[in-house]
Amino acid sequence: MTKINYSKKEIFTVLTFIQNLLKTAPANQPLKYSVSFFGKNSHQTKIIPALENEILCDLERLGALKIVAKEQLANETIYDLKILPKFKDVSAELKKPTTTPAKTAPENQSPKTPTTDGITIIHLEPSGNLWREPKTQYCYRLGEDTDRHLIVRCLAENNNYQQVSMISRPLKRKSANAIAAEVTIIRNGVKKYLDINGSTFLEAKKGSGYKIGPTCKIQLDLE
């Protein structure tokens, strides 16, 4: 099964919300799943809305459901979801406890981040995989068609600070708040999966925008 980069608690919360909708939804009708940026559902789930959107898309890629329609309102996204037969199996698999393999290093030596002249080399693949050596231990799957991938790629292709207005162009003109939420997700993911300080990786400057920090260099891989 494809691995997705969320905590068990976050996945369980979304799956539980869907299962509760199934109990009251009319038969053979799409489920109305609402993701609110500032409203009731956002507070109930306690998940950043941009991350909740991403989980739904990943569940679709896993074959658990199909996003029939998507309506973007001012502060809310409403999904029409068709639950597929595979939903039960995918849910059970995602809820299984997982173990994280211990990172090993030579005796009396801690693992170090590979650097060149003090700069950490990070690879970005077209598929959205962001990784550093050794890849088997340090890989952050941004997803190929996600806003996170587009933001990191935009910043990797430009050395200087990029204004929010420039970053938002490939993101369907998303608001500054929506982009800030994605930046938070990226920073948390970089810390969790690459063991690199998120604020060091992705710097922000009021009035200037965002850029990849000087201690990191992103290499754009062709495949």
N, C-alpha and C. Protein backbone atom coordinates (compact mmCIF):
# COMPACT_ATOMS: atom_id res chain seq x y z
N MET A 1 0.84 -1.20 0.00
CA MET A 1 0.00 0.00 0.00
C MET A 1 0.88 1.25 0.00
N THR A 2 0.45 2.25 -0.72
CA THR A 2 1.19 3.50 -0.78
C THR A 2 1.28 4.12 0.60
N LYS A 3 2.44 4.61 0.95
CA LYS A 3 2.62 5.24 2.25
C LYS A 3 2.28 6.72 2.16
N ILE A 4 1.54 7.24 3.15
CA ILE A 4 1.23 8.65 3.16
C ILE A 4 1.76 9.27 4.44
N ASN A 5 2.08 10.54 4.36
CA ASN A 5 2.83 11.18 5.42
C ASN A 5 1.95 11.89 6.44
N TYR A 6 1.14 11.16 7.16
CA TYR A 6 0.32 11.75 8.20
C TYR A 6 0.38 10.88 9.44
N SER A 7 0.08 11.49 10.56
CA SER A 7 0.04 10.70 11.79
C SER A 7 -1.21 9.83 11.79
N LYS A 8 -1.16 8.76 12.56
CA LYS A 8 -2.31 7.86 12.67
C LYS A 8 -3.53 8.61 13.21
N LYS A 9 -3.29 9.53 14.13
CA LYS A 9 -4.40 10.28 14.73
C LYS A 9 -5.13 11.11 13.69
N GLU A 10 -4.38 11.74 12.77
CA GLU A 10 -5.00 12.58 11.74
C GLU A 10 -5.78 11.73 10.74
N ILE A 11 -5.20 10.60 10.34
CA ILE A 11 -5.91 9.71 9.42
C ILE A 11 -7.17 9.17 10.07
N PHE A 12 -7.04 8.73 11.33
CA PHE A 12 -8.18 8.16 12.05
C PHE A 12 -9.31 9.19 12.17
N THR A 13 -8.95 10.46 12.41
CA THR A 13 -9.95 11.52 12.56
C THR A 13 -10.76 11.69 11.28
N VAL A 14 -10.09 11.72 10.13
CA VAL A 14 -10.79 11.89 8.85
C VAL A 14 -11.65 10.67 8.55
N LEU A 15 -11.10 9.48 8.76
CA LEU A 15 -11.86 8.25 8.49
C LEU A 15 -13.10 8.16 9.39
N THR A 16 -12.96 8.56 10.64
CA THR A 16 -14.09 8.53 11.56
C THR A 16 -15.17 9.51 11.13
N PHE A 17 -14.73 10.68 10.66
CA PHE A 17 -15.69 11.69 10.19
C PHE A 17 -16.48 11.16 8.99
N ILE A 18 -15.78 10.48 8.08
CA ILE A 18 -16.46 9.89 6.92
C ILE A 18 -17.43 8.80 7.35
N GLN A 19 -17.00 7.96 8.28
CA GLN A 19 -17.87 6.88 8.76
C GLN A 19 -19.13 7.41 9.44
N ASN A 20 -19.00 8.53 10.15
CA ASN A 20 -20.17 9.15 10.78
C ASN A 20 -21.12 9.71 9.72
N LEU A 21 -20.56 10.23 8.63
CA LEU A 21 -21.40 10.72 7.54
C LEU A 21 -22.17 9.57 6.89
N LEU A 22 -21.51 8.42 6.79
CA LEU A 22 -22.15 7.26 6.18
C LEU A 22 -23.40 6.80 6.95
N LYS A 23 -23.41 7.04 8.24
CA LYS A 23 -24.53 6.59 9.07
C LYS A 23 -25.82 7.36 8.77
N THR A 24 -25.68 8.61 8.31
CA THR A 24 -26.87 9.45 8.09
C THR A 24 -27.09 9.82 6.62
N ALA A 25 -26.15 9.47 5.74
CA ALA A 25 -26.27 9.87 4.34
C ALA A 25 -27.33 9.04 3.62
N PRO A 26 -28.07 9.67 2.69
CA PRO A 26 -29.05 8.91 1.89
C PRO A 26 -28.35 7.85 1.05
N ALA A 27 -29.00 6.74 0.85
CA ALA A 27 -28.40 5.64 0.08
C ALA A 27 -28.11 6.07 -1.35
N ASN A 28 -26.95 5.63 -1.86
CA ASN A 28 -26.53 5.87 -3.24
C ASN A 28 -26.34 7.36 -3.56
N GLN A 29 -26.17 8.18 -2.54
CA GLN A 29 -25.91 9.61 -2.74
C GLN A 29 -24.50 9.94 -2.27
N PRO A 30 -23.80 10.86 -2.99
CA PRO A 30 -22.45 11.24 -2.54
C PRO A 30 -22.49 11.86 -1.15
N LEU A 31 -21.44 11.62 -0.39
CA LEU A 31 -21.32 12.22 0.93
C LEU A 31 -20.89 13.68 0.80
N LYS A 32 -21.46 14.55 1.59
CA LYS A 32 -21.06 15.95 1.62
C LYS A 32 -20.04 16.13 2.75
N TYR A 33 -18.77 16.24 2.37
CA TYR A 33 -17.69 16.39 3.35
C TYR A 33 -17.19 17.83 3.29
N SER A 34 -17.32 18.56 4.40
CA SER A 34 -16.95 19.97 4.43
C SER A 34 -15.64 20.18 5.17
N VAL A 35 -14.72 20.92 4.53
CA VAL A 35 -13.47 21.32 5.16
C VAL A 35 -13.51 22.84 5.30
N SER A 36 -13.58 23.31 6.54
CA SER A 36 -13.73 24.75 6.79
C SER A 36 -12.42 25.34 7.30
N PHE A 37 -12.03 26.48 6.75
CA PHE A 37 -10.79 27.12 7.15
C PHE A 37 -10.92 27.81 8.51
N PHE A 38 -12.12 28.30 8.82
CA PHE A 38 -12.28 29.01 10.07
C PHE A 38 -13.53 28.59 10.83
N GLY A 39 -14.20 27.55 10.37
CA GLY A 39 -15.50 27.22 10.94
C GLY A 39 -15.50 26.02 11.85
N LYS A 40 -16.68 25.49 12.04
CA LYS A 40 -16.93 24.44 13.01
C LYS A 40 -16.15 23.16 12.73
N ASN A 41 -16.17 22.70 11.48
CA ASN A 41 -15.52 21.43 11.16
C ASN A 41 -14.02 21.49 11.41
N SER A 42 -13.41 22.65 11.09
CA SER A 42 -11.98 22.81 11.31
C SER A 42 -11.63 22.64 12.79
N HIS A 43 -12.49 23.15 13.66
CA HIS A 43 -12.23 23.04 15.09
C HIS A 43 -12.50 21.62 15.59
N GLN A 44 -13.49 20.96 15.01
CA GLN A 44 -13.80 19.60 15.42
C GLN A 44 -12.65 18.65 15.11
N THR A 45 -12.14 18.72 13.92
CA THR A 45 -11.11 17.77 13.50
C THR A 45 -9.75 18.11 14.07
N LYS A 46 -9.53 19.37 14.38
CA LYS A 46 -8.23 19.83 14.88
C LYS A 46 -7.11 19.49 13.90
N ILE A 47 -7.42 19.58 12.63
CA ILE A 47 -6.43 19.36 11.56
C ILE A 47 -6.36 20.63 10.73
N ILE A 48 -5.16 21.03 10.33
CA ILE A 48 -5.02 22.18 9.43
C ILE A 48 -5.81 21.87 8.16
N PRO A 49 -6.70 22.76 7.74
CA PRO A 49 -7.56 22.47 6.58
C PRO A 49 -6.80 22.02 5.34
N ALA A 50 -5.65 22.63 5.05
CA ALA A 50 -4.89 22.22 3.88
C ALA A 50 -4.43 20.77 3.99
N LEU A 51 -4.12 20.34 5.21
CA LEU A 51 -3.71 18.95 5.43
C LEU A 51 -4.90 18.02 5.30
N GLU A 52 -6.07 18.47 5.78
CA GLU A 52 -7.28 17.65 5.67
C GLU A 52 -7.63 17.43 4.20
N ASN A 53 -7.50 18.48 3.39
CA ASN A 53 -7.71 18.35 1.94
C ASN A 53 -6.76 17.31 1.36
N GLU A 54 -5.51 17.36 1.81
CA GLU A 54 -4.49 16.45 1.27
C GLU A 54 -4.79 15.00 1.63
N ILE A 55 -5.30 14.78 2.84
CA ILE A 55 -5.64 13.42 3.26
C ILE A 55 -6.74 12.86 2.38
N LEU A 56 -7.75 13.67 2.07
CA LEU A 56 -8.84 13.21 1.21
C LEU A 56 -8.32 12.83 -0.17
N CYS A 57 -7.41 13.63 -0.71
CA CYS A 57 -6.84 13.33 -2.03
C CYS A 57 -6.02 12.04 -1.99
N ASP A 58 -5.30 11.83 -0.90
CA ASP A 58 -4.51 10.61 -0.78
C ASP A 58 -5.42 9.39 -0.62
N LEU A 59 -6.54 9.54 0.07
CA LEU A 59 -7.49 8.43 0.19
C LEU A 59 -8.06 8.06 -1.17
N GLU A 60 -8.23 9.08 -2.02
CA GLU A 60 -8.70 8.80 -3.38
C GLU A 60 -7.64 8.03 -4.15
N ARG A 61 -6.37 8.43 -4.01
CA ARG A 61 -5.29 7.73 -4.70
C ARG A 61 -5.15 6.29 -4.22
N LEU A 62 -5.50 6.06 -2.96
CA LEU A 62 -5.43 4.71 -2.40
C LEU A 62 -6.63 3.86 -2.81
N GLY A 63 -7.61 4.46 -3.49
CA GLY A 63 -8.76 3.71 -3.97
C GLY A 63 -9.87 3.53 -2.95
N ALA A 64 -9.82 4.30 -1.84
CA ALA A 64 -10.85 4.18 -0.81
C ALA A 64 -12.12 4.93 -1.17
N LEU A 65 -11.97 5.98 -1.95
CA LEU A 65 -13.11 6.80 -2.32
C LEU A 65 -12.83 7.52 -3.63
N LYS A 66 -13.86 8.17 -4.14
CA LYS A 66 -13.71 8.98 -5.35
C LYS A 66 -14.30 10.36 -5.08
N ILE A 67 -13.53 11.39 -5.42
CA ILE A 67 -14.01 12.76 -5.28
C ILE A 67 -14.83 13.08 -6.53
N VAL A 68 -16.16 13.07 -6.38
CA VAL A 68 -17.06 13.27 -7.51
C VAL A 68 -17.11 14.74 -7.91
N ALA A 69 -17.13 15.62 -6.92
CA ALA A 69 -17.18 17.06 -7.18
C ALA A 69 -16.52 17.79 -6.02
N LYS A 70 -16.08 19.02 -6.31
CA LYS A 70 -15.41 19.83 -5.30
C LYS A 70 -15.83 21.27 -5.51
N GLU A 71 -16.37 21.87 -4.47
CA GLU A 71 -16.81 23.26 -4.55
C GLU A 71 -15.99 24.12 -3.60
N GLN A 72 -15.30 25.12 -4.13
CA GLN A 72 -14.45 25.98 -3.34
C GLN A 72 -15.20 27.27 -3.01
N LEU A 73 -15.51 27.47 -1.74
CA LEU A 73 -16.15 28.69 -1.29
C LEU A 73 -15.10 29.59 -0.64
N ALA A 74 -15.53 30.71 -0.09
CA ALA A 74 -14.59 31.68 0.46
C ALA A 74 -13.69 31.06 1.53
N ASN A 75 -14.27 30.44 2.53
CA ASN A 75 -13.49 29.86 3.62
C ASN A 75 -13.80 28.38 3.83
N GLU A 76 -14.28 27.73 2.79
CA GLU A 76 -14.71 26.35 2.95
C GLU A 76 -14.59 25.60 1.62
N THR A 77 -14.22 24.34 1.70
CA THR A 77 -14.22 23.46 0.55
C THR A 77 -15.21 22.33 0.83
N ILE A 78 -16.13 22.10 -0.10
CA ILE A 78 -17.12 21.04 0.07
C ILE A 78 -16.86 19.95 -0.97
N TYR A 79 -16.62 18.74 -0.49
CA TYR A 79 -16.36 17.61 -1.36
C TYR A 79 -17.61 16.73 -1.45
N ASP A 80 -17.92 16.27 -2.65
CA ASP A 80 -18.90 15.20 -2.84
C ASP A 80 -18.09 13.91 -3.00
N LEU A 81 -18.22 13.01 -2.03
CA LEU A 81 -17.42 11.79 -2.01
C LEU A 81 -18.27 10.56 -2.30
N LYS A 82 -17.74 9.71 -3.18
CA LYS A 82 -18.35 8.40 -3.42
C LYS A 82 -17.46 7.37 -2.75
N ILE A 83 -18.03 6.65 -1.80
CA ILE A 83 -17.25 5.65 -1.08
C ILE A 83 -17.17 4.37 -1.92
N LEU A 84 -15.96 3.89 -2.13
CA LEU A 84 -15.72 2.72 -2.97
C LEU A 84 -15.63 1.45 -2.10
N PRO A 85 -15.82 0.28 -2.71
CA PRO A 85 -15.77 -0.99 -1.94
C PRO A 85 -14.46 -1.18 -1.18
N LYS A 86 -13.40 -0.57 -1.68
CA LYS A 86 -12.10 -0.75 -1.05
C LYS A 86 -11.95 0.08 0.23
N PHE A 87 -12.91 0.95 0.51
CA PHE A 87 -12.80 1.86 1.66
C PHE A 87 -12.55 1.11 2.97
N LYS A 88 -13.30 0.03 3.20
CA LYS A 88 -13.18 -0.72 4.44
C LYS A 88 -11.78 -1.30 4.61
N ASP A 89 -11.25 -1.89 3.53
CA ASP A 89 -9.91 -2.49 3.61
C ASP A 89 -8.83 -1.44 3.81
N VAL A 90 -8.96 -0.31 3.09
CA VAL A 90 -7.97 0.76 3.23
C VAL A 90 -8.01 1.33 4.64
N SER A 91 -9.22 1.52 5.18
CA SER A 91 -9.36 2.05 6.54
C SER A 91 -8.68 1.13 7.55
N ALA A 92 -8.93 -0.16 7.40
CA ALA A 92 -8.34 -1.13 8.33
C ALA A 92 -6.82 -1.11 8.25
N GLU A 93 -6.30 -1.00 7.03
CA GLU A 93 -4.85 -1.00 6.83
C GLU A 93 -4.21 0.25 7.44
N LEU A 94 -4.86 1.40 7.24
CA LEU A 94 -4.31 2.66 7.74
C LEU A 94 -4.36 2.74 9.26
N LYS A 95 -5.29 2.03 9.86
CA LYS A 95 -5.43 2.08 11.32
C LYS A 95 -4.52 1.09 12.03
N LYS A 96 -3.84 0.25 11.25
CA LYS A 96 -2.93 -0.71 11.88
C LYS A 96 -1.77 0.03 12.54
N PRO A 97 -1.31 -0.42 13.69
CA PRO A 97 -0.15 0.20 14.33
C PRO A 97 1.10 0.00 13.48
N THR A 98 1.93 1.01 13.46
CA THR A 98 3.17 0.93 12.69
C THR A 98 4.36 1.12 13.62
N THR A 99 5.47 0.59 13.18
CA THR A 99 6.71 0.78 13.94
C THR A 99 7.71 1.50 13.06
N THR A 100 8.44 2.39 13.65
CA THR A 100 9.45 3.16 12.93
C THR A 100 10.81 2.54 13.15
N PRO A 101 11.49 2.11 12.08
CA PRO A 101 12.80 1.48 12.27
C PRO A 101 13.79 2.47 12.87
N ALA A 102 14.60 1.98 13.77
CA ALA A 102 15.58 2.85 14.41
C ALA A 102 16.67 3.22 13.41
N LYS A 103 17.13 4.46 13.51
CA LYS A 103 18.22 4.92 12.66
C LYS A 103 19.53 4.49 13.31
N THR A 104 20.34 3.81 12.52
CA THR A 104 21.59 3.28 13.06
C THR A 104 22.76 4.14 12.64
N ALA A 105 23.80 4.11 13.43
CA ALA A 105 25.02 4.85 13.13
C ALA A 105 26.18 4.08 13.74
N PRO A 106 27.38 4.34 13.27
CA PRO A 106 28.54 3.68 13.86
C PRO A 106 28.58 3.93 15.36
N GLU A 107 29.19 3.01 16.09
CA GLU A 107 29.27 3.11 17.54
C GLU A 107 29.89 4.44 17.96
N ASN A 108 29.28 5.07 18.98
CA ASN A 108 29.75 6.34 19.53
C ASN A 108 29.71 7.47 18.51
N GLN A 109 28.87 7.34 17.50
CA GLN A 109 28.78 8.39 16.48
C GLN A 109 27.32 8.56 16.08
N SER A 110 26.85 9.79 16.06
CA SER A 110 25.48 10.09 15.66
C SER A 110 25.42 10.28 14.16
N PRO A 111 24.30 9.90 13.52
CA PRO A 111 24.18 10.12 12.07
C PRO A 111 24.21 11.59 11.75
N LYS A 112 24.90 11.96 10.68
CA LYS A 112 25.04 13.35 10.29
C LYS A 112 24.35 13.60 8.96
N THR A 113 23.89 14.80 8.79
CA THR A 113 23.26 15.19 7.55
C THR A 113 24.34 15.40 6.49
N PRO A 114 24.24 14.74 5.30
CA PRO A 114 25.22 14.95 4.24
C PRO A 114 25.26 16.41 3.82
N THR A 115 26.43 16.99 3.81
CA THR A 115 26.56 18.40 3.42
C THR A 115 27.69 18.59 2.43
N THR A 116 27.63 19.69 1.70
CA THR A 116 28.71 20.11 0.82
C THR A 116 29.04 21.55 1.18
N ASP A 117 30.24 21.77 1.75
CA ASP A 117 30.64 23.10 2.22
C ASP A 117 29.60 23.67 3.18
N GLY A 118 29.08 22.81 4.05
CA GLY A 118 28.14 23.26 5.05
C GLY A 118 26.71 23.40 4.55
N ILE A 119 26.45 23.04 3.29
CA ILE A 119 25.11 23.14 2.71
C ILE A 119 24.53 21.74 2.56
N THR A 120 23.32 21.55 3.04
CA THR A 120 22.65 20.25 2.93
C THR A 120 22.05 20.10 1.53
N ILE A 121 22.40 19.03 0.86
CA ILE A 121 21.88 18.75 -0.48
C ILE A 121 20.57 17.97 -0.35
N ILE A 122 19.50 18.54 -0.91
CA ILE A 122 18.19 17.91 -0.85
C ILE A 122 17.69 17.74 -2.28
N HIS A 123 17.15 16.58 -2.59
CA HIS A 123 16.66 16.28 -3.93
C HIS A 123 15.14 16.45 -4.00
N LEU A 124 14.67 16.95 -5.14
CA LEU A 124 13.23 17.05 -5.38
C LEU A 124 12.94 16.36 -6.71
N GLU A 125 12.13 15.30 -6.65
CA GLU A 125 11.79 14.53 -7.85
C GLU A 125 10.49 15.06 -8.47
N PRO A 126 10.27 14.81 -9.76
CA PRO A 126 9.01 15.22 -10.41
C PRO A 126 7.77 14.64 -9.72
N SER A 127 7.94 13.49 -9.06
CA SER A 127 6.82 12.86 -8.36
C SER A 127 6.47 13.59 -7.07
N GLY A 128 7.33 14.52 -6.66
CA GLY A 128 7.08 15.25 -5.42
C GLY A 128 7.85 14.72 -4.23
N ASN A 129 8.68 13.70 -4.42
CA ASN A 129 9.49 13.18 -3.33
C ASN A 129 10.63 14.16 -3.02
N LEU A 130 10.71 14.57 -1.77
CA LEU A 130 11.78 15.46 -1.30
C LEU A 130 12.64 14.63 -0.35
N TRP A 131 13.94 14.48 -0.68
CA TRP A 131 14.74 13.57 0.12
C TRP A 131 16.21 13.98 0.18
N ARG A 132 16.87 13.42 1.18
CA ARG A 132 18.32 13.55 1.31
C ARG A 132 18.90 12.19 1.64
N GLU A 133 20.18 12.06 1.50
CA GLU A 133 20.83 10.78 1.78
C GLU A 133 20.85 10.50 3.29
N PRO A 134 20.68 9.23 3.68
CA PRO A 134 20.23 8.11 2.84
C PRO A 134 18.72 8.19 2.59
N LYS A 135 18.32 8.02 1.35
CA LYS A 135 16.92 8.19 0.95
C LYS A 135 15.98 7.24 1.68
N THR A 136 16.48 6.06 2.01
CA THR A 136 15.63 5.07 2.67
C THR A 136 15.18 5.54 4.05
N GLN A 137 15.92 6.49 4.63
CA GLN A 137 15.58 7.00 5.96
C GLN A 137 14.97 8.39 5.92
N TYR A 138 15.36 9.19 4.92
CA TYR A 138 14.95 10.59 4.90
C TYR A 138 14.24 10.93 3.59
N CYS A 139 12.95 10.71 3.55
CA CYS A 139 12.16 11.00 2.35
C CYS A 139 10.81 11.58 2.76
N TYR A 140 10.51 12.76 2.26
CA TYR A 140 9.25 13.44 2.54
C TYR A 140 8.43 13.46 1.25
N ARG A 141 7.34 12.71 1.23
CA ARG A 141 6.51 12.60 0.03
C ARG A 141 5.51 13.75 -0.02
N LEU A 142 5.85 14.78 -0.78
CA LEU A 142 4.97 15.95 -0.90
C LEU A 142 3.73 15.63 -1.72
N GLY A 143 3.87 14.69 -2.67
CA GLY A 143 2.78 14.38 -3.60
C GLY A 143 2.99 15.15 -4.90
N GLU A 144 2.70 14.51 -6.00
CA GLU A 144 3.01 15.10 -7.31
C GLU A 144 2.18 16.34 -7.62
N ASP A 145 0.89 16.29 -7.35
CA ASP A 145 -0.01 17.37 -7.75
C ASP A 145 -0.52 18.17 -6.56
N THR A 146 0.33 18.39 -5.58
CA THR A 146 -0.09 19.12 -4.38
C THR A 146 0.46 20.54 -4.38
N ASP A 147 -0.19 21.40 -3.61
CA ASP A 147 0.30 22.77 -3.46
C ASP A 147 1.66 22.79 -2.78
N ARG A 148 1.88 21.86 -1.86
CA ARG A 148 3.19 21.79 -1.18
C ARG A 148 4.31 21.59 -2.20
N HIS A 149 4.09 20.67 -3.14
CA HIS A 149 5.10 20.42 -4.16
C HIS A 149 5.34 21.67 -5.01
N LEU A 150 4.27 22.34 -5.42
CA LEU A 150 4.39 23.54 -6.26
C LEU A 150 5.13 24.65 -5.52
N ILE A 151 4.87 24.80 -4.23
CA ILE A 151 5.54 25.85 -3.46
C ILE A 151 7.03 25.58 -3.37
N VAL A 152 7.40 24.34 -2.99
CA VAL A 152 8.82 24.00 -2.86
C VAL A 152 9.53 24.12 -4.20
N ARG A 153 8.89 23.66 -5.27
CA ARG A 153 9.52 23.73 -6.60
C ARG A 153 9.71 25.19 -7.03
N CYS A 154 8.71 26.03 -6.76
CA CYS A 154 8.82 27.46 -7.10
C CYS A 154 10.00 28.10 -6.38
N LEU A 155 10.14 27.80 -5.10
CA LEU A 155 11.24 28.39 -4.33
C LEU A 155 12.58 27.79 -4.72
N ALA A 156 12.59 26.51 -5.12
CA ALA A 156 13.84 25.87 -5.54
C ALA A 156 14.36 26.45 -6.85
N GLU A 157 13.45 26.92 -7.68
CA GLU A 157 13.82 27.47 -8.99
C GLU A 157 14.21 28.95 -8.92
N ASN A 158 14.05 29.56 -7.75
CA ASN A 158 14.38 30.97 -7.58
C ASN A 158 15.19 31.15 -6.30
N ASN A 159 16.30 31.85 -6.40
CA ASN A 159 17.20 31.98 -5.25
C ASN A 159 16.74 33.01 -4.22
N ASN A 160 16.09 34.07 -4.67
CA ASN A 160 15.72 35.14 -3.77
C ASN A 160 14.33 34.94 -3.19
N TYR A 161 13.97 35.81 -2.26
CA TYR A 161 12.62 35.77 -1.69
C TYR A 161 11.58 35.92 -2.79
N GLN A 162 10.52 35.11 -2.68
CA GLN A 162 9.43 35.17 -3.64
C GLN A 162 8.17 35.70 -2.94
N GLN A 163 7.60 36.75 -3.51
CA GLN A 163 6.39 37.31 -2.95
C GLN A 163 5.25 36.30 -3.00
N VAL A 164 4.32 36.42 -2.06
CA VAL A 164 3.16 35.53 -2.03
C VAL A 164 2.40 35.60 -3.34
N SER A 165 2.34 36.80 -3.94
CA SER A 165 1.61 36.96 -5.21
C SER A 165 2.24 36.12 -6.31
N MET A 166 3.56 35.93 -6.28
CA MET A 166 4.24 35.11 -7.29
C MET A 166 4.01 33.62 -7.00
N ILE A 167 4.09 33.25 -5.73
CA ILE A 167 3.90 31.85 -5.35
C ILE A 167 2.48 31.40 -5.66
N SER A 168 1.51 32.30 -5.50
CA SER A 168 0.10 31.92 -5.64
C SER A 168 -0.33 31.72 -7.09
N ARG A 169 0.47 32.17 -8.05
CA ARG A 169 0.07 32.05 -9.46
C ARG A 169 -0.22 30.62 -9.89
N PRO A 170 0.68 29.66 -9.62
CA PRO A 170 0.36 28.27 -10.01
C PRO A 170 -0.60 27.59 -9.04
N LEU A 171 -0.98 28.28 -7.96
CA LEU A 171 -1.86 27.70 -6.95
C LEU A 171 -3.28 28.24 -7.06
N LYS A 172 -3.66 28.64 -8.27
CA LYS A 172 -5.01 29.18 -8.51
C LYS A 172 -5.30 30.38 -7.64
N ARG A 173 -4.25 31.24 -7.49
CA ARG A 173 -4.40 32.50 -6.76
C ARG A 173 -4.87 32.30 -5.32
N LYS A 174 -4.34 31.33 -4.65
CA LYS A 174 -4.73 31.08 -3.26
C LYS A 174 -4.31 32.25 -2.38
N SER A 175 -5.03 32.42 -1.28
CA SER A 175 -4.80 33.54 -0.38
C SER A 175 -3.49 33.37 0.39
N ALA A 176 -3.04 34.48 1.00
CA ALA A 176 -1.82 34.46 1.81
C ALA A 176 -1.99 33.51 2.99
N ASN A 177 -3.18 33.46 3.57
CA ASN A 177 -3.43 32.57 4.71
C ASN A 177 -3.33 31.10 4.30
N ALA A 178 -3.87 30.78 3.11
CA ALA A 178 -3.80 29.40 2.63
C ALA A 178 -2.36 28.99 2.38
N ILE A 179 -1.57 29.89 1.80
CA ILE A 179 -0.16 29.59 1.53
C ILE A 179 0.61 29.45 2.84
N ALA A 180 0.32 30.31 3.82
CA ALA A 180 0.98 30.21 5.12
C ALA A 180 0.69 28.87 5.78
N ALA A 181 -0.54 28.37 5.61
CA ALA A 181 -0.90 27.07 6.17
C ALA A 181 -0.08 25.96 5.50
N GLU A 182 0.10 26.05 4.17
CA GLU A 182 0.89 25.06 3.45
C GLU A 182 2.35 25.12 3.90
N VAL A 183 2.86 26.33 4.12
CA VAL A 183 4.25 26.49 4.56
C VAL A 183 4.45 25.81 5.91
N THR A 184 3.47 25.95 6.80
CA THR A 184 3.55 25.29 8.11
C THR A 184 3.63 23.78 7.96
N ILE A 185 2.80 23.24 7.05
CA ILE A 185 2.82 21.79 6.80
C ILE A 185 4.19 21.36 6.26
N ILE A 186 4.73 22.13 5.32
CA ILE A 186 6.04 21.80 4.73
C ILE A 186 7.12 21.80 5.80
N ARG A 187 7.13 22.83 6.62
CA ARG A 187 8.15 22.92 7.69
C ARG A 187 8.05 21.74 8.65
N ASN A 188 6.83 21.40 9.04
CA ASN A 188 6.65 20.26 9.96
C ASN A 188 7.09 18.96 9.31
N GLY A 189 6.78 18.80 8.01
CA GLY A 189 7.17 17.59 7.30
C GLY A 189 8.67 17.47 7.13
N VAL A 190 9.32 18.59 6.84
CA VAL A 190 10.79 18.59 6.69
C VAL A 190 11.45 18.21 8.01
N LYS A 191 10.92 18.73 9.10
CA LYS A 191 11.47 18.38 10.42
C LYS A 191 11.26 16.90 10.71
N LYS A 192 10.06 16.41 10.42
CA LYS A 192 9.70 15.04 10.76
C LYS A 192 10.41 14.01 9.89
N TYR A 193 10.44 14.26 8.58
CA TYR A 193 10.92 13.23 7.65
C TYR A 193 12.36 13.43 7.17
N LEU A 194 12.87 14.67 7.21
CA LEU A 194 14.25 14.91 6.78
C LEU A 194 15.16 15.24 7.95
N ASP A 195 14.58 15.43 9.14
CA ASP A 195 15.34 15.78 10.34
C ASP A 195 16.13 17.07 10.13
N ILE A 196 15.46 18.05 9.51
CA ILE A 196 16.03 19.37 9.27
C ILE A 196 15.07 20.40 9.83
N ASN A 197 15.61 21.41 10.49
CA ASN A 197 14.78 22.47 11.05
C ASN A 197 13.94 23.11 9.95
N GLY A 198 12.61 23.10 10.13
CA GLY A 198 11.72 23.60 9.08
C GLY A 198 11.88 25.07 8.79
N SER A 199 12.11 25.88 9.82
CA SER A 199 12.27 27.32 9.62
C SER A 199 13.59 27.65 8.95
N THR A 200 14.58 26.79 9.16
CA THR A 200 15.86 26.96 8.47
C THR A 200 15.74 26.58 7.01
N PHE A 201 14.96 25.53 6.75
CA PHE A 201 14.76 25.08 5.37
C PHE A 201 13.96 26.10 4.56
N LEU A 202 12.88 26.62 5.13
CA LEU A 202 12.01 27.54 4.41
C LEU A 202 11.89 28.82 5.23
N GLU A 203 12.59 29.86 4.78
CA GLU A 203 12.62 31.12 5.51
C GLU A 203 11.48 32.04 5.07
N ALA A 204 11.04 32.86 6.00
CA ALA A 204 9.99 33.85 5.70
C ALA A 204 10.47 35.22 6.15
N LYS A 205 10.11 36.24 5.39
CA LYS A 205 10.46 37.61 5.74
C LYS A 205 9.28 38.51 5.41
N LYS A 206 8.80 39.20 6.42
CA LYS A 206 7.64 40.05 6.24
C LYS A 206 7.88 41.07 5.14
N GLY A 207 6.96 41.12 4.20
CA GLY A 207 7.07 42.05 3.09
C GLY A 207 7.87 41.54 1.92
N SER A 208 8.62 40.45 2.13
CA SER A 208 9.46 39.90 1.05
C SER A 208 8.96 38.55 0.56
N GLY A 209 8.37 37.75 1.47
CA GLY A 209 7.85 36.45 1.06
C GLY A 209 8.64 35.30 1.65
N TYR A 210 8.90 34.29 0.81
CA TYR A 210 9.54 33.06 1.27
C TYR A 210 10.72 32.70 0.36
N LYS A 211 11.66 31.94 0.93
CA LYS A 211 12.76 31.39 0.13
C LYS A 211 13.34 30.19 0.84
N ILE A 212 14.07 29.35 0.08
CA ILE A 212 14.80 28.24 0.68
C ILE A 212 16.00 28.82 1.40
N GLY A 213 16.22 28.39 2.65
CA GLY A 213 17.30 28.93 3.45
C GLY A 213 18.68 28.65 2.86
N PRO A 214 19.66 29.47 3.21
CA PRO A 214 21.01 29.35 2.62
C PRO A 214 21.76 28.10 3.04
N THR A 215 21.31 27.41 4.08
CA THR A 215 22.01 26.18 4.51
C THR A 215 21.50 24.94 3.77
N CYS A 216 20.52 25.14 2.88
CA CYS A 216 19.97 24.02 2.12
C CYS A 216 20.03 24.33 0.62
N LYS A 217 20.31 23.31 -0.17
CA LYS A 217 20.29 23.46 -1.62
C LYS A 217 19.44 22.33 -2.21
N ILE A 218 18.44 22.73 -2.99
CA ILE A 218 17.56 21.72 -3.60
C ILE A 218 18.03 21.41 -5.01
N GLN A 219 18.28 20.15 -5.26
CA GLN A 219 18.65 19.68 -6.59
C GLN A 219 17.39 19.11 -7.26
N LEU A 220 17.04 19.66 -8.41
CA LEU A 220 15.84 19.22 -9.12
C LEU A 220 16.18 18.02 -9.98
N ASP A 221 15.75 16.84 -9.57
CA ASP A 221 16.04 15.61 -10.31
C ASP A 221 15.10 15.51 -11.50
N LEU A 222 15.58 14.90 -12.57
CA LEU A 222 14.79 14.76 -13.79
C LEU A 222 13.80 13.60 -13.72
N GLU A 223 14.11 12.59 -12.89
CA GLU A 223 13.19 11.45 -12.77
C GLU A 223 13.39 10.77 -11.45
